[in-house]
Amino acid sequence: MEPWLVLRFVHILSVIVALGANLTYLFWMGRARSDPTQLVFVIESIRRLDRGVSNPSYILAAIAGIGIVLTGPYGFETPWIVTSIALYVLVAVLGITVYAPAMRTQLDLARRAPASSAYASAARRSRALFFFVTALVLTIVALMVLKPPLWAG
């Protein structure tokens, strides 16, 4: 079996795990809205999923993706790969510099004043960031799967 096929399997599986974990956040936050006593537990659990499952899986996906390009039929100059890498870097930067701090703020406010307008504002901000970052990740998935013909290289 060719190395790039094994790497492709690892890459795809890593993305499934990472994105799948991320998409469960909608379920978890819905549970917290229906039972506010669970709000802190839910946000802490989401942060734990990020640190223990999603983030490591996204990192493994990147490593496997680089391996695919180094050993497989596509090159770093392929437009859809270049675009995907740029979007991946953007997602990572937003995750580290914007999303993670927003979630920390939301958790802090959930602990101190969950019924406050400040918490509601922080929750809206985190939710908007979640949808934006998830849209970027789904765009990367679409580029990887569809390999747009105009960008096939």
N, C-alpha and C. Protein backbone atom coordinates (compact mmCIF):
# COMPACT_ATOMS: atom_id res chain seq x y z
N MET A 1 0.85 -1.18 0.00
CA MET A 1 0.00 0.00 0.00
C MET A 1 0.89 1.24 0.00
N GLU A 2 0.51 2.20 -0.79
CA GLU A 2 1.30 3.42 -0.90
C GLU A 2 1.15 4.28 0.37
N PRO A 3 2.27 4.88 0.80
CA PRO A 3 2.22 5.70 2.03
C PRO A 3 1.16 6.80 1.99
N TRP A 4 0.98 7.42 0.84
CA TRP A 4 0.04 8.53 0.78
C TRP A 4 -1.39 8.05 1.00
N LEU A 5 -1.70 6.79 0.69
CA LEU A 5 -3.04 6.26 0.95
C LEU A 5 -3.27 6.09 2.45
N VAL A 6 -2.25 5.61 3.16
CA VAL A 6 -2.36 5.49 4.62
C VAL A 6 -2.51 6.89 5.23
N LEU A 7 -1.71 7.82 4.75
CA LEU A 7 -1.80 9.20 5.25
C LEU A 7 -3.16 9.81 4.94
N ARG A 8 -3.70 9.51 3.77
CA ARG A 8 -5.03 10.02 3.41
C ARG A 8 -6.09 9.48 4.36
N PHE A 9 -5.99 8.19 4.70
CA PHE A 9 -6.91 7.59 5.66
C PHE A 9 -6.82 8.31 7.01
N VAL A 10 -5.61 8.51 7.50
CA VAL A 10 -5.40 9.20 8.78
C VAL A 10 -5.94 10.63 8.70
N HIS A 11 -5.67 11.29 7.58
CA HIS A 11 -6.12 12.67 7.37
C HIS A 11 -7.65 12.75 7.44
N ILE A 12 -8.32 11.89 6.70
CA ILE A 12 -9.78 11.91 6.65
C ILE A 12 -10.37 11.55 8.01
N LEU A 13 -9.84 10.52 8.63
CA LEU A 13 -10.34 10.12 9.94
C LEU A 13 -10.15 11.23 10.97
N SER A 14 -9.02 11.90 10.93
CA SER A 14 -8.75 13.01 11.87
C SER A 14 -9.75 14.14 11.68
N VAL A 15 -10.05 14.46 10.44
CA VAL A 15 -11.01 15.53 10.17
C VAL A 15 -12.41 15.12 10.64
N ILE A 16 -12.78 13.87 10.40
CA ILE A 16 -14.09 13.39 10.86
C ILE A 16 -14.19 13.54 12.38
N VAL A 17 -13.17 13.11 13.10
CA VAL A 17 -13.18 13.20 14.56
C VAL A 17 -13.23 14.65 15.02
N ALA A 18 -12.38 15.50 14.45
CA ALA A 18 -12.31 16.90 14.88
C ALA A 18 -13.61 17.64 14.59
N LEU A 19 -14.06 17.57 13.35
CA LEU A 19 -15.28 18.30 12.97
C LEU A 19 -16.50 17.70 13.66
N GLY A 20 -16.53 16.38 13.78
CA GLY A 20 -17.64 15.74 14.49
C GLY A 20 -17.74 16.21 15.92
N ALA A 21 -16.61 16.26 16.61
CA ALA A 21 -16.61 16.76 17.99
C ALA A 21 -17.10 18.20 18.02
N ASN A 22 -16.61 19.03 17.10
CA ASN A 22 -17.04 20.43 17.06
C ASN A 22 -18.55 20.56 16.87
N LEU A 23 -19.10 19.76 15.99
CA LEU A 23 -20.53 19.87 15.72
C LEU A 23 -21.40 19.45 16.90
N THR A 24 -20.84 18.66 17.81
CA THR A 24 -21.62 18.30 19.01
C THR A 24 -21.83 19.49 19.93
N TYR A 25 -21.04 20.55 19.75
CA TYR A 25 -21.18 21.71 20.62
C TYR A 25 -22.57 22.32 20.52
N LEU A 26 -23.19 22.23 19.35
CA LEU A 26 -24.56 22.73 19.20
C LEU A 26 -25.51 21.95 20.11
N PHE A 27 -25.33 20.65 20.13
CA PHE A 27 -26.14 19.80 21.01
C PHE A 27 -25.90 20.18 22.48
N TRP A 28 -24.63 20.29 22.86
CA TRP A 28 -24.30 20.59 24.25
C TRP A 28 -24.85 21.95 24.69
N MET A 29 -24.70 22.95 23.85
CA MET A 29 -25.20 24.28 24.23
C MET A 29 -26.72 24.29 24.26
N GLY A 30 -27.36 23.51 23.41
CA GLY A 30 -28.81 23.38 23.47
C GLY A 30 -29.25 22.78 24.79
N ARG A 31 -28.50 21.80 25.27
CA ARG A 31 -28.79 21.20 26.58
C ARG A 31 -28.65 22.24 27.68
N ALA A 32 -27.63 23.07 27.58
CA ALA A 32 -27.41 24.09 28.61
C ALA A 32 -28.53 25.13 28.59
N ARG A 33 -29.04 25.46 27.40
CA ARG A 33 -30.15 26.42 27.34
C ARG A 33 -31.41 25.84 27.98
N SER A 34 -31.60 24.53 27.84
CA SER A 34 -32.80 23.92 28.42
C SER A 34 -32.63 23.61 29.92
N ASP A 35 -31.39 23.60 30.39
CA ASP A 35 -31.13 23.35 31.82
C ASP A 35 -29.94 24.21 32.25
N PRO A 36 -30.20 25.49 32.57
CA PRO A 36 -29.13 26.43 32.91
C PRO A 36 -28.24 25.99 34.07
N THR A 37 -28.72 25.08 34.91
CA THR A 37 -27.87 24.61 36.00
C THR A 37 -26.67 23.82 35.48
N GLN A 38 -26.74 23.40 34.23
CA GLN A 38 -25.66 22.62 33.62
C GLN A 38 -24.72 23.49 32.76
N LEU A 39 -24.95 24.78 32.72
CA LEU A 39 -24.21 25.68 31.83
C LEU A 39 -22.70 25.60 32.02
N VAL A 40 -22.22 25.73 33.22
CA VAL A 40 -20.77 25.69 33.48
C VAL A 40 -20.22 24.33 33.08
N PHE A 41 -20.90 23.26 33.48
CA PHE A 41 -20.45 21.91 33.11
C PHE A 41 -20.35 21.76 31.59
N VAL A 42 -21.34 22.25 30.87
CA VAL A 42 -21.36 22.14 29.41
C VAL A 42 -20.20 22.90 28.79
N ILE A 43 -19.99 24.14 29.20
CA ILE A 43 -18.90 24.94 28.61
C ILE A 43 -17.55 24.33 28.96
N GLU A 44 -17.39 23.88 30.20
CA GLU A 44 -16.14 23.20 30.56
C GLU A 44 -15.94 21.94 29.72
N SER A 45 -17.00 21.21 29.46
CA SER A 45 -16.91 19.99 28.65
C SER A 45 -16.53 20.32 27.20
N ILE A 46 -17.09 21.37 26.68
CA ILE A 46 -16.75 21.80 25.31
C ILE A 46 -15.26 22.17 25.25
N ARG A 47 -14.79 22.92 26.23
CA ARG A 47 -13.37 23.28 26.24
C ARG A 47 -12.49 22.05 26.36
N ARG A 48 -12.93 21.08 27.15
CA ARG A 48 -12.18 19.82 27.31
C ARG A 48 -12.16 19.03 25.99
N LEU A 49 -13.30 18.99 25.31
CA LEU A 49 -13.35 18.33 23.99
C LEU A 49 -12.42 19.02 23.00
N ASP A 50 -12.40 20.35 23.03
CA ASP A 50 -11.48 21.09 22.16
C ASP A 50 -10.03 20.71 22.43
N ARG A 51 -9.65 20.79 23.70
CA ARG A 51 -8.25 20.52 24.05
C ARG A 51 -7.86 19.06 23.88
N GLY A 52 -8.76 18.13 24.18
CA GLY A 52 -8.40 16.72 24.17
C GLY A 52 -8.73 15.95 22.92
N VAL A 53 -9.67 16.45 22.12
CA VAL A 53 -10.10 15.70 20.94
C VAL A 53 -9.95 16.53 19.65
N SER A 54 -10.67 17.65 19.58
CA SER A 54 -10.69 18.43 18.34
C SER A 54 -9.32 18.97 17.94
N ASN A 55 -8.69 19.71 18.83
CA ASN A 55 -7.41 20.32 18.47
C ASN A 55 -6.34 19.30 18.11
N PRO A 56 -6.15 18.23 18.90
CA PRO A 56 -5.17 17.22 18.48
C PRO A 56 -5.53 16.58 17.13
N SER A 57 -6.82 16.39 16.89
CA SER A 57 -7.23 15.79 15.61
C SER A 57 -6.96 16.74 14.44
N TYR A 58 -7.20 18.04 14.64
CA TYR A 58 -6.88 19.00 13.58
C TYR A 58 -5.37 19.04 13.32
N ILE A 59 -4.58 18.95 14.37
CA ILE A 59 -3.11 18.94 14.21
C ILE A 59 -2.68 17.68 13.46
N LEU A 60 -3.23 16.53 13.83
CA LEU A 60 -2.91 15.29 13.12
C LEU A 60 -3.35 15.36 11.66
N ALA A 61 -4.49 15.97 11.41
CA ALA A 61 -4.96 16.14 10.03
C ALA A 61 -3.97 16.97 9.22
N ALA A 62 -3.44 18.02 9.83
CA ALA A 62 -2.46 18.87 9.13
C ALA A 62 -1.17 18.09 8.84
N ILE A 63 -0.70 17.35 9.82
CA ILE A 63 0.53 16.56 9.63
C ILE A 63 0.33 15.52 8.53
N ALA A 64 -0.81 14.82 8.60
CA ALA A 64 -1.09 13.82 7.57
C ALA A 64 -1.27 14.48 6.20
N GLY A 65 -1.90 15.65 6.18
CA GLY A 65 -2.09 16.38 4.92
C GLY A 65 -0.77 16.76 4.29
N ILE A 66 0.17 17.23 5.09
CA ILE A 66 1.50 17.56 4.58
C ILE A 66 2.16 16.29 4.04
N GLY A 67 2.01 15.19 4.77
CA GLY A 67 2.55 13.91 4.31
C GLY A 67 1.95 13.47 2.99
N ILE A 68 0.65 13.69 2.83
CA ILE A 68 -0.01 13.33 1.56
C ILE A 68 0.61 14.10 0.41
N VAL A 69 0.79 15.39 0.61
CA VAL A 69 1.35 16.22 -0.46
C VAL A 69 2.80 15.80 -0.76
N LEU A 70 3.55 15.47 0.27
CA LEU A 70 4.96 15.08 0.06
C LEU A 70 5.10 13.72 -0.62
N THR A 71 4.12 12.83 -0.42
CA THR A 71 4.26 11.47 -0.95
C THR A 71 3.24 11.12 -2.03
N GLY A 72 2.26 11.99 -2.26
CA GLY A 72 1.17 11.64 -3.16
C GLY A 72 1.18 12.39 -4.48
N PRO A 73 0.06 12.35 -5.13
CA PRO A 73 -0.02 12.89 -6.49
C PRO A 73 -0.21 14.40 -6.59
N TYR A 74 -0.39 15.09 -5.48
CA TYR A 74 -0.65 16.53 -5.52
C TYR A 74 0.54 17.29 -4.97
N GLY A 75 0.70 18.52 -5.43
CA GLY A 75 1.81 19.35 -4.96
C GLY A 75 1.31 20.57 -4.19
N PHE A 76 2.23 21.19 -3.47
CA PHE A 76 1.88 22.39 -2.70
C PHE A 76 1.46 23.55 -3.59
N GLU A 77 1.76 23.48 -4.87
CA GLU A 77 1.38 24.55 -5.79
C GLU A 77 -0.04 24.39 -6.32
N THR A 78 -0.69 23.27 -6.03
CA THR A 78 -2.06 23.04 -6.49
C THR A 78 -2.98 24.07 -5.82
N PRO A 79 -3.72 24.85 -6.63
CA PRO A 79 -4.50 25.96 -6.06
C PRO A 79 -5.46 25.57 -4.92
N TRP A 80 -6.16 24.45 -5.02
CA TRP A 80 -7.09 24.09 -3.94
C TRP A 80 -6.34 23.67 -2.68
N ILE A 81 -5.13 23.18 -2.82
CA ILE A 81 -4.32 22.86 -1.64
C ILE A 81 -3.80 24.15 -1.00
N VAL A 82 -3.33 25.06 -1.82
CA VAL A 82 -2.85 26.36 -1.30
C VAL A 82 -3.99 27.07 -0.55
N THR A 83 -5.17 27.08 -1.15
CA THR A 83 -6.32 27.74 -0.52
C THR A 83 -6.69 27.04 0.79
N SER A 84 -6.69 25.71 0.77
CA SER A 84 -7.02 24.94 1.98
C SER A 84 -6.02 25.22 3.10
N ILE A 85 -4.75 25.27 2.76
CA ILE A 85 -3.72 25.55 3.77
C ILE A 85 -3.90 26.95 4.34
N ALA A 86 -4.18 27.92 3.47
CA ALA A 86 -4.40 29.29 3.94
C ALA A 86 -5.61 29.36 4.87
N LEU A 87 -6.68 28.66 4.52
CA LEU A 87 -7.86 28.65 5.38
C LEU A 87 -7.57 27.93 6.69
N TYR A 88 -6.79 26.86 6.64
CA TYR A 88 -6.42 26.12 7.86
C TYR A 88 -5.65 27.05 8.80
N VAL A 89 -4.70 27.79 8.26
CA VAL A 89 -3.92 28.73 9.09
C VAL A 89 -4.85 29.78 9.68
N LEU A 90 -5.78 30.29 8.87
CA LEU A 90 -6.74 31.27 9.37
C LEU A 90 -7.58 30.69 10.51
N VAL A 91 -8.06 29.45 10.34
CA VAL A 91 -8.84 28.79 11.39
C VAL A 91 -8.00 28.65 12.66
N ALA A 92 -6.75 28.24 12.52
CA ALA A 92 -5.89 28.07 13.69
C ALA A 92 -5.66 29.40 14.40
N VAL A 93 -5.38 30.44 13.65
CA VAL A 93 -5.15 31.76 14.24
C VAL A 93 -6.42 32.26 14.94
N LEU A 94 -7.56 32.13 14.28
CA LEU A 94 -8.82 32.55 14.90
C LEU A 94 -9.11 31.73 16.15
N GLY A 95 -8.85 30.44 16.07
CA GLY A 95 -9.10 29.57 17.22
C GLY A 95 -8.28 29.98 18.43
N ILE A 96 -7.01 30.27 18.19
CA ILE A 96 -6.10 30.60 19.29
C ILE A 96 -6.32 32.02 19.80
N THR A 97 -6.48 32.97 18.88
CA THR A 97 -6.50 34.38 19.28
C THR A 97 -7.89 34.95 19.55
N VAL A 98 -8.94 34.32 19.01
CA VAL A 98 -10.28 34.89 19.16
C VAL A 98 -11.25 33.91 19.83
N TYR A 99 -11.36 32.69 19.27
CA TYR A 99 -12.37 31.76 19.77
C TYR A 99 -12.06 31.28 21.20
N ALA A 100 -10.84 30.84 21.44
CA ALA A 100 -10.49 30.35 22.79
C ALA A 100 -10.68 31.43 23.85
N PRO A 101 -10.21 32.67 23.62
CA PRO A 101 -10.47 33.71 24.62
C PRO A 101 -11.97 34.00 24.79
N ALA A 102 -12.73 33.93 23.70
CA ALA A 102 -14.17 34.17 23.80
C ALA A 102 -14.83 33.10 24.66
N MET A 103 -14.40 31.86 24.50
CA MET A 103 -14.95 30.77 25.31
C MET A 103 -14.54 30.91 26.78
N ARG A 104 -13.30 31.36 27.02
CA ARG A 104 -12.87 31.58 28.40
C ARG A 104 -13.73 32.66 29.06
N THR A 105 -14.00 33.73 28.31
CA THR A 105 -14.85 34.81 28.82
C THR A 105 -16.25 34.29 29.09
N GLN A 106 -16.79 33.52 28.15
CA GLN A 106 -18.13 32.96 28.33
C GLN A 106 -18.19 32.08 29.57
N LEU A 107 -17.16 31.25 29.77
CA LEU A 107 -17.12 30.38 30.95
C LEU A 107 -17.04 31.20 32.23
N ASP A 108 -16.19 32.21 32.23
CA ASP A 108 -16.06 33.06 33.42
C ASP A 108 -17.40 33.72 33.77
N LEU A 109 -18.08 34.24 32.75
CA LEU A 109 -19.38 34.88 32.99
C LEU A 109 -20.44 33.85 33.38
N ALA A 110 -20.36 32.64 32.84
CA ALA A 110 -21.31 31.59 33.22
C ALA A 110 -21.15 31.24 34.70
N ARG A 111 -19.93 31.30 35.18
CA ARG A 111 -19.67 31.01 36.60
C ARG A 111 -20.17 32.15 37.50
N ARG A 112 -19.98 33.40 37.04
CA ARG A 112 -20.27 34.55 37.89
C ARG A 112 -21.68 35.12 37.70
N ALA A 113 -22.13 35.21 36.45
CA ALA A 113 -23.41 35.90 36.19
C ALA A 113 -24.09 35.34 34.95
N PRO A 114 -24.56 34.10 35.02
CA PRO A 114 -25.12 33.46 33.83
C PRO A 114 -26.40 34.11 33.30
N ALA A 115 -27.08 34.86 34.13
CA ALA A 115 -28.32 35.51 33.69
C ALA A 115 -28.08 36.94 33.21
N SER A 116 -26.83 37.38 33.18
CA SER A 116 -26.53 38.78 32.85
C SER A 116 -26.53 39.01 31.34
N SER A 117 -26.67 40.28 30.98
CA SER A 117 -26.59 40.65 29.57
C SER A 117 -25.16 40.46 29.06
N ALA A 118 -24.18 40.59 29.96
CA ALA A 118 -22.78 40.35 29.56
C ALA A 118 -22.58 38.90 29.14
N TYR A 119 -23.20 37.98 29.90
CA TYR A 119 -23.10 36.56 29.51
C TYR A 119 -23.80 36.35 28.17
N ALA A 120 -24.98 36.89 28.00
CA ALA A 120 -25.72 36.71 26.75
C ALA A 120 -24.91 37.23 25.57
N SER A 121 -24.26 38.36 25.75
CA SER A 121 -23.42 38.94 24.70
C SER A 121 -22.22 38.03 24.40
N ALA A 122 -21.58 37.51 25.45
CA ALA A 122 -20.44 36.61 25.27
C ALA A 122 -20.87 35.33 24.57
N ALA A 123 -22.03 34.81 24.92
CA ALA A 123 -22.55 33.59 24.29
C ALA A 123 -22.84 33.83 22.81
N ARG A 124 -23.42 34.98 22.49
CA ARG A 124 -23.69 35.32 21.07
C ARG A 124 -22.38 35.41 20.29
N ARG A 125 -21.38 36.04 20.89
CA ARG A 125 -20.08 36.18 20.24
C ARG A 125 -19.44 34.81 19.99
N SER A 126 -19.46 33.96 21.00
CA SER A 126 -18.89 32.61 20.86
C SER A 126 -19.64 31.81 19.80
N ARG A 127 -20.95 31.92 19.79
CA ARG A 127 -21.76 31.19 18.81
C ARG A 127 -21.47 31.68 17.39
N ALA A 128 -21.37 33.00 17.21
CA ALA A 128 -21.06 33.55 15.89
C ALA A 128 -19.68 33.09 15.42
N LEU A 129 -18.71 33.11 16.33
CA LEU A 129 -17.37 32.63 15.99
C LEU A 129 -17.38 31.15 15.64
N PHE A 130 -18.14 30.37 16.40
CA PHE A 130 -18.27 28.94 16.12
C PHE A 130 -18.79 28.72 14.70
N PHE A 131 -19.86 29.42 14.33
CA PHE A 131 -20.42 29.23 12.99
C PHE A 131 -19.46 29.70 11.90
N PHE A 132 -18.76 30.80 12.14
CA PHE A 132 -17.81 31.29 11.15
C PHE A 132 -16.65 30.31 10.95
N VAL A 133 -16.05 29.87 12.05
CA VAL A 133 -14.93 28.94 11.96
C VAL A 133 -15.38 27.60 11.36
N THR A 134 -16.55 27.14 11.75
CA THR A 134 -17.08 25.89 11.20
C THR A 134 -17.31 26.02 9.69
N ALA A 135 -17.80 27.17 9.25
CA ALA A 135 -17.98 27.40 7.81
C ALA A 135 -16.63 27.34 7.08
N LEU A 136 -15.60 27.90 7.70
CA LEU A 136 -14.26 27.83 7.09
C LEU A 136 -13.79 26.37 6.99
N VAL A 137 -13.99 25.61 8.06
CA VAL A 137 -13.58 24.20 8.05
C VAL A 137 -14.37 23.43 6.99
N LEU A 138 -15.66 23.69 6.88
CA LEU A 138 -16.46 23.01 5.86
C LEU A 138 -16.03 23.41 4.45
N THR A 139 -15.57 24.63 4.29
CA THR A 139 -15.02 25.05 3.00
C THR A 139 -13.76 24.26 2.68
N ILE A 140 -12.90 24.06 3.68
CA ILE A 140 -11.70 23.25 3.48
C ILE A 140 -12.09 21.83 3.08
N VAL A 141 -13.06 21.26 3.78
CA VAL A 141 -13.52 19.90 3.45
C VAL A 141 -14.03 19.86 2.01
N ALA A 142 -14.82 20.85 1.62
CA ALA A 142 -15.34 20.89 0.26
C ALA A 142 -14.19 20.95 -0.76
N LEU A 143 -13.19 21.77 -0.50
CA LEU A 143 -12.04 21.85 -1.41
C LEU A 143 -11.32 20.51 -1.50
N MET A 144 -11.15 19.85 -0.37
CA MET A 144 -10.45 18.55 -0.35
C MET A 144 -11.24 17.48 -1.11
N VAL A 145 -12.53 17.48 -0.94
CA VAL A 145 -13.36 16.44 -1.56
C VAL A 145 -13.62 16.74 -3.02
N LEU A 146 -14.00 17.97 -3.33
CA LEU A 146 -14.40 18.31 -4.69
C LEU A 146 -13.24 18.62 -5.62
N LYS A 147 -12.10 19.03 -5.05
CA LYS A 147 -10.94 19.39 -5.88
C LYS A 147 -11.39 20.15 -7.13
N PRO A 148 -11.87 21.36 -6.91
CA PRO A 148 -12.50 22.12 -7.99
C PRO A 148 -11.70 22.04 -9.30
N PRO A 149 -12.36 21.67 -10.39
CA PRO A 149 -11.67 21.48 -11.68
C PRO A 149 -10.87 22.71 -12.12
N LEU A 150 -11.43 23.89 -11.87
CA LEU A 150 -10.72 25.11 -12.28
C LEU A 150 -9.45 25.27 -11.45
N TRP A 151 -9.41 24.60 -10.30
CA TRP A 151 -8.26 24.71 -9.42
C TRP A 151 -7.45 23.43 -9.36
N ALA A 152 -7.71 22.53 -10.26
CA ALA A 152 -7.08 21.21 -10.18
C ALA A 152 -5.57 21.24 -10.35
N GLY A 153 -5.08 22.27 -10.96
CA GLY A 153 -3.62 22.40 -11.10
C GLY A 153 -3.04 21.56 -12.21
